[in-house]
Amino acid sequence: MRFIIKLIVVALLPITSAFAATATTALELQNMTCSLCSVTIKKALGNVPGVKDAKVDYGTKVATVTYDTDKATIADLIKATSNAGFPSTPLK
């Protein structure tokens, strides 16, 4: 099941919006030990300028983030999760 979810997320990674420079990316998270970690990570990502939406799945330990590429980068997202205590890497 986890493999199937990762495949779906990977297939959706390069989605971009035709209206603005918006992108969606998935980050694989480390150090998640409880469902409350999801709240902390979502808040950290939401504080990054340009982030439009962040969904964090405790079960798969994946954050799916939609952001404005003119205001934020994947490096900014990784820095935000890392600073919150949850290092992340782009999902491959």
N, C-alpha and C. Protein backbone atom coordinates (compact mmCIF):
# COMPACT_ATOMS: atom_id res chain seq x y z
N MET A 1 0.82 -1.19 0.00
CA MET A 1 0.00 0.00 0.00
C MET A 1 0.86 1.25 0.00
N ARG A 2 1.89 1.26 0.84
CA ARG A 2 2.78 2.42 0.92
C ARG A 2 3.46 2.66 -0.42
N PHE A 3 3.84 1.58 -1.10
CA PHE A 3 4.49 1.68 -2.41
C PHE A 3 3.55 2.31 -3.42
N ILE A 4 2.28 1.92 -3.39
CA ILE A 4 1.29 2.46 -4.32
C ILE A 4 1.10 3.96 -4.08
N ILE A 5 1.04 4.36 -2.84
CA ILE A 5 0.88 5.78 -2.51
C ILE A 5 2.08 6.57 -3.01
N LYS A 6 3.28 6.03 -2.82
CA LYS A 6 4.47 6.71 -3.31
C LYS A 6 4.45 6.84 -4.82
N LEU A 7 4.00 5.80 -5.51
CA LEU A 7 3.91 5.87 -6.97
C LEU A 7 2.95 6.97 -7.42
N ILE A 8 1.84 7.08 -6.74
CA ILE A 8 0.87 8.11 -7.09
C ILE A 8 1.45 9.49 -6.84
N VAL A 9 2.11 9.67 -5.71
CA VAL A 9 2.70 10.96 -5.38
C VAL A 9 3.78 11.32 -6.39
N VAL A 10 4.63 10.36 -6.75
CA VAL A 10 5.68 10.62 -7.72
C VAL A 10 5.10 11.02 -9.07
N ALA A 11 4.01 10.39 -9.46
CA ALA A 11 3.37 10.73 -10.73
C ALA A 11 2.82 12.15 -10.71
N LEU A 12 2.46 12.65 -9.54
CA LEU A 12 1.88 13.98 -9.43
C LEU A 12 2.92 15.07 -9.15
N LEU A 13 4.17 14.72 -8.94
CA LEU A 13 5.19 15.69 -8.57
C LEU A 13 5.30 16.89 -9.52
N PRO A 14 5.38 16.67 -10.82
CA PRO A 14 5.65 17.82 -11.68
C PRO A 14 4.43 18.65 -12.06
N ILE A 15 3.33 18.48 -11.34
CA ILE A 15 2.12 19.24 -11.66
C ILE A 15 2.38 20.73 -11.48
N THR A 16 2.03 21.50 -12.49
CA THR A 16 2.15 22.95 -12.40
C THR A 16 0.85 23.58 -12.84
N SER A 17 0.62 24.76 -12.38
CA SER A 17 -0.59 25.48 -12.72
C SER A 17 -0.36 26.36 -13.94
N ALA A 18 -1.36 26.51 -14.79
CA ALA A 18 -1.26 27.36 -15.96
C ALA A 18 -1.40 28.82 -15.60
N PHE A 19 -1.90 29.15 -14.42
CA PHE A 19 -2.16 30.53 -14.04
C PHE A 19 -0.94 31.25 -13.50
N ALA A 20 -0.22 30.64 -12.65
CA ALA A 20 0.94 31.26 -12.02
C ALA A 20 2.06 30.25 -11.96
N ALA A 21 3.18 30.69 -11.51
CA ALA A 21 4.32 29.80 -11.37
C ALA A 21 4.13 28.98 -10.10
N THR A 22 3.19 28.05 -10.15
CA THR A 22 2.88 27.21 -9.00
C THR A 22 3.34 25.79 -9.28
N ALA A 23 3.91 25.17 -8.28
CA ALA A 23 4.35 23.79 -8.41
C ALA A 23 3.92 23.00 -7.18
N THR A 24 3.84 21.71 -7.35
CA THR A 24 3.55 20.81 -6.24
C THR A 24 4.69 19.81 -6.14
N THR A 25 5.17 19.61 -4.93
CA THR A 25 6.25 18.65 -4.71
C THR A 25 5.94 17.81 -3.48
N ALA A 26 6.56 16.67 -3.41
CA ALA A 26 6.40 15.78 -2.25
C ALA A 26 7.75 15.64 -1.56
N LEU A 27 7.71 15.72 -0.25
CA LEU A 27 8.91 15.59 0.56
C LEU A 27 8.77 14.38 1.48
N GLU A 28 9.78 13.56 1.49
CA GLU A 28 9.81 12.42 2.42
C GLU A 28 10.40 12.92 3.73
N LEU A 29 9.69 12.69 4.82
CA LEU A 29 10.05 13.24 6.12
C LEU A 29 10.70 12.21 7.04
N GLN A 30 11.58 12.69 7.90
CA GLN A 30 12.23 11.84 8.90
C GLN A 30 11.78 12.30 10.29
N ASN A 31 11.99 11.45 11.26
CA ASN A 31 11.77 11.74 12.69
C ASN A 31 10.31 11.89 13.09
N MET A 32 9.38 11.50 12.25
CA MET A 32 7.97 11.58 12.65
C MET A 32 7.66 10.40 13.57
N THR A 33 7.27 10.69 14.80
CA THR A 33 7.00 9.62 15.77
C THR A 33 5.54 9.56 16.21
N CYS A 34 4.78 10.60 15.87
CA CYS A 34 3.36 10.60 16.25
C CYS A 34 2.58 11.49 15.30
N SER A 35 1.27 11.41 15.38
CA SER A 35 0.44 12.19 14.47
C SER A 35 0.53 13.69 14.72
N LEU A 36 0.92 14.10 15.91
CA LEU A 36 1.08 15.52 16.19
C LEU A 36 2.27 16.13 15.45
N CYS A 37 3.22 15.30 15.05
CA CYS A 37 4.34 15.78 14.25
C CYS A 37 3.82 16.41 12.95
N SER A 38 2.76 15.85 12.41
CA SER A 38 2.17 16.37 11.18
C SER A 38 1.75 17.82 11.33
N VAL A 39 1.21 18.16 12.49
CA VAL A 39 0.76 19.53 12.75
C VAL A 39 1.95 20.48 12.75
N THR A 40 3.02 20.09 13.41
CA THR A 40 4.23 20.90 13.49
C THR A 40 4.81 21.14 12.10
N ILE A 41 4.88 20.09 11.30
CA ILE A 41 5.45 20.19 9.96
C ILE A 41 4.57 21.07 9.07
N LYS A 42 3.27 20.87 9.14
CA LYS A 42 2.36 21.67 8.32
C LYS A 42 2.49 23.16 8.68
N LYS A 43 2.60 23.45 9.96
CA LYS A 43 2.75 24.84 10.39
C LYS A 43 4.08 25.42 9.89
N ALA A 44 5.15 24.65 9.98
CA ALA A 44 6.46 25.12 9.52
C ALA A 44 6.43 25.41 8.02
N LEU A 45 5.82 24.52 7.25
CA LEU A 45 5.72 24.73 5.81
C LEU A 45 4.82 25.91 5.49
N GLY A 46 3.75 26.07 6.25
CA GLY A 46 2.83 27.18 6.02
C GLY A 46 3.45 28.54 6.28
N ASN A 47 4.52 28.58 7.07
CA ASN A 47 5.22 29.83 7.35
C ASN A 47 6.20 30.23 6.26
N VAL A 48 6.43 29.36 5.29
CA VAL A 48 7.33 29.68 4.18
C VAL A 48 6.58 30.58 3.20
N PRO A 49 7.11 31.77 2.90
CA PRO A 49 6.44 32.64 1.94
C PRO A 49 6.24 31.93 0.60
N GLY A 50 5.04 32.01 0.08
CA GLY A 50 4.74 31.39 -1.20
C GLY A 50 4.06 30.04 -1.11
N VAL A 51 4.05 29.43 0.08
CA VAL A 51 3.38 28.13 0.22
C VAL A 51 1.87 28.36 0.22
N LYS A 52 1.20 27.70 -0.70
CA LYS A 52 -0.25 27.84 -0.83
C LYS A 52 -1.00 26.74 -0.07
N ASP A 53 -0.41 25.55 -0.01
CA ASP A 53 -1.06 24.43 0.67
C ASP A 53 -0.01 23.41 1.07
N ALA A 54 -0.19 22.81 2.22
CA ALA A 54 0.70 21.75 2.70
C ALA A 54 -0.15 20.67 3.35
N LYS A 55 0.03 19.46 2.88
CA LYS A 55 -0.65 18.30 3.47
C LYS A 55 0.43 17.35 3.94
N VAL A 56 0.29 16.89 5.17
CA VAL A 56 1.29 15.99 5.75
C VAL A 56 0.59 14.70 6.14
N ASP A 57 1.10 13.59 5.64
CA ASP A 57 0.52 12.27 5.92
C ASP A 57 1.45 11.52 6.86
N TYR A 58 0.98 11.31 8.09
CA TYR A 58 1.79 10.61 9.08
C TYR A 58 2.04 9.17 8.65
N GLY A 59 1.06 8.52 8.06
CA GLY A 59 1.18 7.12 7.66
C GLY A 59 2.29 6.87 6.66
N THR A 60 2.42 7.76 5.68
CA THR A 60 3.44 7.59 4.64
C THR A 60 4.69 8.43 4.91
N LYS A 61 4.57 9.34 5.89
CA LYS A 61 5.66 10.27 6.23
C LYS A 61 6.06 11.11 5.01
N VAL A 62 5.01 11.62 4.33
CA VAL A 62 5.21 12.43 3.13
C VAL A 62 4.42 13.73 3.28
N ALA A 63 5.08 14.84 2.93
CA ALA A 63 4.40 16.14 2.86
C ALA A 63 4.24 16.49 1.39
N THR A 64 3.04 16.86 1.01
CA THR A 64 2.77 17.32 -0.34
C THR A 64 2.51 18.81 -0.26
N VAL A 65 3.35 19.59 -0.95
CA VAL A 65 3.32 21.04 -0.80
C VAL A 65 3.09 21.70 -2.15
N THR A 66 2.14 22.63 -2.18
CA THR A 66 1.90 23.46 -3.36
C THR A 66 2.41 24.85 -3.02
N TYR A 67 3.25 25.39 -3.90
CA TYR A 67 3.90 26.66 -3.60
C TYR A 67 4.13 27.48 -4.86
N ASP A 68 4.33 28.76 -4.68
CA ASP A 68 4.62 29.70 -5.75
C ASP A 68 6.13 29.65 -5.99
N THR A 69 6.52 29.24 -7.19
CA THR A 69 7.96 29.08 -7.48
C THR A 69 8.70 30.41 -7.57
N ASP A 70 7.96 31.50 -7.67
CA ASP A 70 8.61 32.81 -7.66
C ASP A 70 8.97 33.26 -6.25
N LYS A 71 8.35 32.65 -5.25
CA LYS A 71 8.57 33.05 -3.86
C LYS A 71 9.27 31.99 -3.01
N ALA A 72 9.22 30.74 -3.41
CA ALA A 72 9.80 29.66 -2.61
C ALA A 72 10.46 28.63 -3.51
N THR A 73 11.40 27.92 -2.94
CA THR A 73 12.08 26.83 -3.64
C THR A 73 11.95 25.56 -2.81
N ILE A 74 12.31 24.46 -3.43
CA ILE A 74 12.31 23.20 -2.68
C ILE A 74 13.30 23.28 -1.53
N ALA A 75 14.40 23.98 -1.74
CA ALA A 75 15.38 24.15 -0.66
C ALA A 75 14.77 24.89 0.53
N ASP A 76 13.90 25.88 0.26
CA ASP A 76 13.22 26.59 1.34
C ASP A 76 12.30 25.66 2.13
N LEU A 77 11.62 24.77 1.41
CA LEU A 77 10.71 23.82 2.06
C LEU A 77 11.50 22.85 2.93
N ILE A 78 12.60 22.35 2.40
CA ILE A 78 13.46 21.42 3.14
C ILE A 78 14.03 22.09 4.39
N LYS A 79 14.44 23.35 4.23
CA LYS A 79 14.99 24.09 5.37
C LYS A 79 13.92 24.25 6.46
N ALA A 80 12.68 24.54 6.05
CA ALA A 80 11.60 24.73 7.03
C ALA A 80 11.33 23.45 7.82
N THR A 81 11.28 22.31 7.13
CA THR A 81 11.02 21.06 7.85
C THR A 81 12.20 20.70 8.74
N SER A 82 13.41 20.93 8.23
CA SER A 82 14.61 20.61 9.01
C SER A 82 14.70 21.48 10.26
N ASN A 83 14.40 22.77 10.12
CA ASN A 83 14.43 23.67 11.27
C ASN A 83 13.39 23.29 12.32
N ALA A 84 12.32 22.64 11.88
CA ALA A 84 11.27 22.19 12.81
C ALA A 84 11.63 20.84 13.44
N GLY A 85 12.77 20.26 13.03
CA GLY A 85 13.21 18.99 13.61
C GLY A 85 12.87 17.77 12.78
N PHE A 86 12.44 18.00 11.53
CA PHE A 86 12.03 16.91 10.66
C PHE A 86 12.73 17.04 9.30
N PRO A 87 13.98 16.58 9.21
CA PRO A 87 14.69 16.66 7.94
C PRO A 87 13.88 15.99 6.83
N SER A 88 13.98 16.53 5.63
CA SER A 88 13.22 15.96 4.51
C SER A 88 14.06 15.94 3.25
N THR A 89 13.62 15.13 2.32
CA THR A 89 14.24 15.06 1.00
C THR A 89 13.11 14.94 -0.03
N PRO A 90 13.36 15.45 -1.22
CA PRO A 90 12.33 15.29 -2.27
C PRO A 90 12.08 13.81 -2.51
N LEU A 91 10.83 13.45 -2.63
CA LEU A 91 10.45 12.06 -2.86
C LEU A 91 10.85 11.67 -4.27
N LYS A 92 11.53 10.55 -4.39
CA LYS A 92 12.00 10.10 -5.71
C LYS A 92 11.06 9.09 -6.30
